[in-house]
Amino acid sequence: FLPATTTTTTTTSSSSSSSSTAGRTLPTLNWDKSFVKELPGDEETSSGTRQVHGAFWSRVEPTPATSSSRPYLISHSREAAALLDLDEGECHSQDFVNLFGGKEIASSLDLAPFAQNYGGHQFGHWAGQLGDGRAMTLGEVVNSAGERW
């Protein structure tokens, strides 16, 4: 995976001339998993559609992309990278593309992927448990300001 180093980038925006920010690589981000550590999880480990009772989340493993697929970056958010303290250049790395494109989950990141369950109303009627429309969360990052993302 990527070496555990930090780099310095210079960015220019319309609101300021230029500023220098130290960014982190994917392995050096402050990954956390408070959601799965602090809230009750699903004891069932098999995958599939089911009702989940008494739990806020279910452990899921991302389905890897096929070995012949080649995910590529379409777009990224400079602002979101800054919120995470992620060096923007990292967004253009093949490791970033492989992680967020589903090709490869790096075991060195110690991620705890999960799906959340929720219930709600649809069309004016209680629809019961609906599942997680985001598919899954790979992990949480706590930035240098102590903000959890």
C-alpha atoms as a PDB file:
ATOM      1  CA  PHE A   1       0.000   0.000   0.000  1.00  0.00           C
ATOM      2  CA  LEU A   2       1.127   3.611   0.215  1.00  0.00           C
ATOM      3  CA  PRO A   3       4.077   4.541   2.428  1.00  0.00           C
ATOM      4  CA  ALA A   4       3.167   6.222   5.703  1.00  0.00           C
ATOM      5  CA  THR A   5       4.389   9.695   4.846  1.00  0.00           C
ATOM      6  CA  THR A   6       2.871  13.124   4.731  1.00  0.00           C
ATOM      7  CA  THR A   7       3.285  15.527   1.880  1.00  0.00           C
ATOM      8  CA  THR A   8       2.797  19.236   1.434  1.00  0.00           C
ATOM      9  CA  THR A   9       0.640  20.683  -1.305  1.00  0.00           C
ATOM     10  CA  THR A  10      -0.072  24.236  -2.299  1.00  0.00           C
ATOM     11  CA  THR A  11      -3.562  25.160  -3.360  1.00  0.00           C
ATOM     12  CA  THR A  12      -4.962  28.356  -4.734  1.00  0.00           C
ATOM     13  CA  SER A  13      -8.530  29.493  -4.295  1.00  0.00           C
ATOM     14  CA  SER A  14     -10.424  32.600  -5.213  1.00  0.00           C
ATOM     15  CA  SER A  15     -10.768  33.617  -1.570  1.00  0.00           C
ATOM     16  CA  SER A  16      -7.054  33.560  -0.785  1.00  0.00           C
ATOM     17  CA  SER A  17      -3.819  33.620  -2.670  1.00  0.00           C
ATOM     18  CA  SER A  18      -2.191  30.350  -1.636  1.00  0.00           C
ATOM     19  CA  SER A  19      -1.858  28.286   1.467  1.00  0.00           C
ATOM     20  CA  SER A  20       0.235  25.312   2.369  1.00  0.00           C
ATOM     21  CA  THR A  21      -1.469  22.347   4.007  1.00  0.00           C
ATOM     22  CA  ALA A  22       0.054  19.086   5.147  1.00  0.00           C
ATOM     23  CA  GLY A  23      -2.077  16.231   3.902  1.00  0.00           C
ATOM     24  CA  ARG A  24      -2.216  12.615   4.934  1.00  0.00           C
ATOM     25  CA  THR A  25      -2.161   9.454   2.877  1.00  0.00           C
ATOM     26  CA  LEU A  26      -4.940   6.865   3.190  1.00  0.00           C
ATOM     27  CA  PRO A  27      -2.955   4.719   5.678  1.00  0.00           C
ATOM     28  CA  THR A  28      -2.052   7.712   7.851  1.00  0.00           C
ATOM     29  CA  LEU A  29      -5.600   9.057   8.179  1.00  0.00           C
ATOM     30  CA  ASN A  30      -6.983   8.740  11.713  1.00  0.00           C
ATOM     31  CA  TRP A  31      -9.367   5.849  10.936  1.00  0.00           C
ATOM     32  CA  ASP A  32     -11.834   5.004  13.687  1.00  0.00           C
ATOM     33  CA  LYS A  33     -14.814   2.730  14.182  1.00  0.00           C
ATOM     34  CA  SER A  34     -16.746   4.248  17.056  1.00  0.00           C
ATOM     35  CA  PHE A  35     -20.106   3.465  15.444  1.00  0.00           C
ATOM     36  CA  VAL A  36     -19.495  -0.278  15.492  1.00  0.00           C
ATOM     37  CA  LYS A  37     -17.697  -0.199  18.856  1.00  0.00           C
ATOM     38  CA  GLU A  38     -20.330   1.825  20.713  1.00  0.00           C
ATOM     39  CA  LEU A  39     -23.649   0.684  19.230  1.00  0.00           C
ATOM     40  CA  PRO A  40     -25.143  -2.816  19.199  1.00  0.00           C
ATOM     41  CA  GLY A  41     -24.519  -4.754  16.004  1.00  0.00           C
ATOM     42  CA  ASP A  42     -26.220  -7.589  14.202  1.00  0.00           C
ATOM     43  CA  GLU A  43     -25.084 -10.989  15.478  1.00  0.00           C
ATOM     44  CA  GLU A  44     -25.940 -12.630  12.154  1.00  0.00           C
ATOM     45  CA  THR A  45     -22.890 -12.703   9.922  1.00  0.00           C
ATOM     46  CA  SER A  46     -24.383 -14.125   6.733  1.00  0.00           C
ATOM     47  CA  SER A  47     -25.217 -11.688   3.990  1.00  0.00           C
ATOM     48  CA  GLY A  48     -28.609 -11.257   2.424  1.00  0.00           C
ATOM     49  CA  THR A  49     -31.836  -9.376   2.854  1.00  0.00           C
ATOM     50  CA  ARG A  50     -33.437  -9.865   6.264  1.00  0.00           C
ATOM     51  CA  GLN A  51     -35.042  -8.025   9.141  1.00  0.00           C
ATOM     52  CA  VAL A  52     -32.496  -7.002  11.768  1.00  0.00           C
ATOM     53  CA  HIS A  53     -33.806  -6.571  15.296  1.00  0.00           C
ATOM     54  CA  GLY A  54     -32.075  -4.919  18.249  1.00  0.00           C
ATOM     55  CA  ALA A  55     -29.086  -3.692  16.257  1.00  0.00           C
ATOM     56  CA  PHE A  56     -28.039  -0.471  14.565  1.00  0.00           C
ATOM     57  CA  TRP A  57     -25.680  -2.012  12.028  1.00  0.00           C
ATOM     58  CA  SER A  58     -24.686  -5.205  10.263  1.00  0.00           C
ATOM     59  CA  ARG A  59     -21.137  -6.188   9.357  1.00  0.00           C
ATOM     60  CA  VAL A  60     -20.708  -6.363   5.603  1.00  0.00           C
ATOM     61  CA  GLU A  61     -17.777  -7.157   3.396  1.00  0.00           C
ATOM     62  CA  PRO A  62     -17.524  -5.222   0.159  1.00  0.00           C
ATOM     63  CA  THR A  63     -17.956  -7.316  -2.942  1.00  0.00           C
ATOM     64  CA  PRO A  64     -14.652  -6.982  -4.748  1.00  0.00           C
ATOM     65  CA  ALA A  65     -14.723  -5.825  -8.321  1.00  0.00           C
ATOM     66  CA  THR A  66     -13.691  -8.485 -10.790  1.00  0.00           C
ATOM     67  CA  SER A  67     -10.010  -8.908 -11.457  1.00  0.00           C
ATOM     68  CA  SER A  68     -10.504  -7.716 -15.020  1.00  0.00           C
ATOM     69  CA  SER A  69     -12.306  -4.506 -14.043  1.00  0.00           C
ATOM     70  CA  ARG A  70     -10.332  -1.296 -13.966  1.00  0.00           C
ATOM     71  CA  PRO A  71     -12.029   1.320 -11.790  1.00  0.00           C
ATOM     72  CA  TYR A  72     -11.062   4.887 -12.535  1.00  0.00           C
ATOM     73  CA  LEU A  73     -11.626   8.258 -10.923  1.00  0.00           C
ATOM     74  CA  ILE A  74     -14.415  10.352 -12.416  1.00  0.00           C
ATOM     75  CA  SER A  75     -14.409  13.106  -9.825  1.00  0.00           C
ATOM     76  CA  HIS A  76     -13.431  13.910  -6.276  1.00  0.00           C
ATOM     77  CA  SER A  77     -14.182  16.667  -3.798  1.00  0.00           C
ATOM     78  CA  ARG A  78     -11.275  18.916  -2.877  1.00  0.00           C
ATOM     79  CA  GLU A  79     -13.326  20.232   0.055  1.00  0.00           C
ATOM     80  CA  ALA A  80     -14.114  16.753   1.405  1.00  0.00           C
ATOM     81  CA  ALA A  81     -10.444  15.749   1.152  1.00  0.00           C
ATOM     82  CA  ALA A  82      -9.526  18.871   3.152  1.00  0.00           C
ATOM     83  CA  LEU A  83     -12.123  18.008   5.834  1.00  0.00           C
ATOM     84  CA  LEU A  84     -10.484  14.606   6.255  1.00  0.00           C
ATOM     85  CA  ASP A  85      -6.927  16.033   6.216  1.00  0.00           C
ATOM     86  CA  LEU A  86      -6.367  13.884   3.113  1.00  0.00           C
ATOM     87  CA  ASP A  87      -3.734  15.133   0.699  1.00  0.00           C
ATOM     88  CA  GLU A  88      -5.648  15.972  -2.455  1.00  0.00           C
ATOM     89  CA  GLY A  89      -3.008  14.252  -4.561  1.00  0.00           C
ATOM     90  CA  GLU A  90      -3.951  11.015  -2.829  1.00  0.00           C
ATOM     91  CA  CYS A  91      -7.358  11.219  -4.559  1.00  0.00           C
ATOM     92  CA  HIS A  92      -5.589  10.613  -7.870  1.00  0.00           C
ATOM     93  CA  SER A  93      -3.667   7.557  -6.660  1.00  0.00           C
ATOM     94  CA  GLN A  94      -4.519   4.057  -7.819  1.00  0.00           C
ATOM     95  CA  ASP A  95      -4.865   2.998  -4.162  1.00  0.00           C
ATOM     96  CA  PHE A  96      -7.630   5.595  -3.665  1.00  0.00           C
ATOM     97  CA  VAL A  97      -9.393   4.463  -6.840  1.00  0.00           C
ATOM     98  CA  ASN A  98      -9.091   0.789  -5.867  1.00  0.00           C
ATOM     99  CA  LEU A  99     -10.415   1.404  -2.341  1.00  0.00           C
ATOM    100  CA  PHE A 100     -13.412   3.547  -3.254  1.00  0.00           C
ATOM    101  CA  GLY A 101     -14.012   1.750  -6.549  1.00  0.00           C
ATOM    102  CA  GLY A 102     -14.454  -1.559  -4.732  1.00  0.00           C
ATOM    103  CA  LYS A 103     -11.479  -3.309  -6.295  1.00  0.00           C
ATOM    104  CA  GLU A 104      -9.438  -3.739  -3.132  1.00  0.00           C
ATOM    105  CA  ILE A 105      -9.972  -3.205   0.575  1.00  0.00           C
ATOM    106  CA  ALA A 106      -6.641  -2.663   2.271  1.00  0.00           C
ATOM    107  CA  SER A 107      -6.363  -4.781   5.411  1.00  0.00           C
ATOM    108  CA  SER A 108      -3.690  -2.368   6.638  1.00  0.00           C
ATOM    109  CA  LEU A 109      -6.381   0.303   7.142  1.00  0.00           C
ATOM    110  CA  ASP A 110      -8.191  -1.754   9.826  1.00  0.00           C
ATOM    111  CA  LEU A 111     -11.610  -0.792   8.448  1.00  0.00           C
ATOM    112  CA  ALA A 112     -14.887  -2.143   9.826  1.00  0.00           C
ATOM    113  CA  PRO A 113     -17.344  -1.903   6.908  1.00  0.00           C
ATOM    114  CA  PHE A 114     -20.991  -1.850   7.956  1.00  0.00           C
ATOM    115  CA  ALA A 115     -24.505  -1.200   6.704  1.00  0.00           C
ATOM    116  CA  GLN A 116     -27.040   0.617   8.843  1.00  0.00           C
ATOM    117  CA  ASN A 117     -30.662  -0.299   9.182  1.00  0.00           C
ATOM    118  CA  TYR A 118     -33.416   2.235   9.605  1.00  0.00           C
ATOM    119  CA  GLY A 119     -37.171   2.479   9.435  1.00  0.00           C
ATOM    120  CA  GLY A 120     -39.420   5.159   8.126  1.00  0.00           C
ATOM    121  CA  HIS A 121     -42.474   6.341   6.305  1.00  0.00           C
ATOM    122  CA  GLN A 122     -42.965   6.119   2.569  1.00  0.00           C
ATOM    123  CA  PHE A 123     -45.944   7.650   0.846  1.00  0.00           C
ATOM    124  CA  GLY A 124     -47.616   8.419   4.175  1.00  0.00           C
ATOM    125  CA  HIS A 125     -47.409   4.884   5.549  1.00  0.00           C
ATOM    126  CA  TRP A 126     -44.995   3.211   7.931  1.00  0.00           C
ATOM    127  CA  ALA A 127     -42.728   1.106   5.743  1.00  0.00           C
ATOM    128  CA  GLY A 128     -40.887  -0.706   8.528  1.00  0.00           C
ATOM    129  CA  GLN A 129     -37.217  -1.528   8.222  1.00  0.00           C
ATOM    130  CA  LEU A 130     -35.859  -0.170   4.968  1.00  0.00           C
ATOM    131  CA  GLY A 131     -32.146  -0.978   4.924  1.00  0.00           C
ATOM    132  CA  ASP A 132     -29.226   1.245   4.058  1.00  0.00           C
ATOM    133  CA  GLY A 133     -29.508   3.173   0.811  1.00  0.00           C
ATOM    134  CA  ARG A 134     -25.821   4.114   0.959  1.00  0.00           C
ATOM    135  CA  ALA A 135     -24.848   0.483   0.514  1.00  0.00           C
ATOM    136  CA  MET A 136     -22.178   0.564   3.231  1.00  0.00           C
ATOM    137  CA  THR A 137     -19.804   2.663   5.262  1.00  0.00           C
ATOM    138  CA  LEU A 138     -16.144   1.688   4.993  1.00  0.00           C
ATOM    139  CA  GLY A 139     -15.046   3.545   8.099  1.00  0.00           C
ATOM    140  CA  GLU A 140     -14.841   6.806   9.998  1.00  0.00           C
ATOM    141  CA  VAL A 141     -12.071   9.383   9.953  1.00  0.00           C
ATOM    142  CA  VAL A 142     -11.328  11.818  12.791  1.00  0.00           C
ATOM    143  CA  ASN A 143      -9.499  14.877  11.469  1.00  0.00           C
ATOM    144  CA  SER A 144      -6.916  17.057  13.232  1.00  0.00           C
ATOM    145  CA  ALA A 145      -9.711  19.332  14.538  1.00  0.00           C
ATOM    146  CA  GLY A 146     -11.335  16.330  16.275  1.00  0.00           C
ATOM    147  CA  GLU A 147     -14.251  16.258  13.812  1.00  0.00           C
ATOM    148  CA  ARG A 148     -15.640  12.835  12.974  1.00  0.00           C
ATOM    149  CA  TRP A 149     -16.424  12.132   9.323  1.00  0.00           C
END
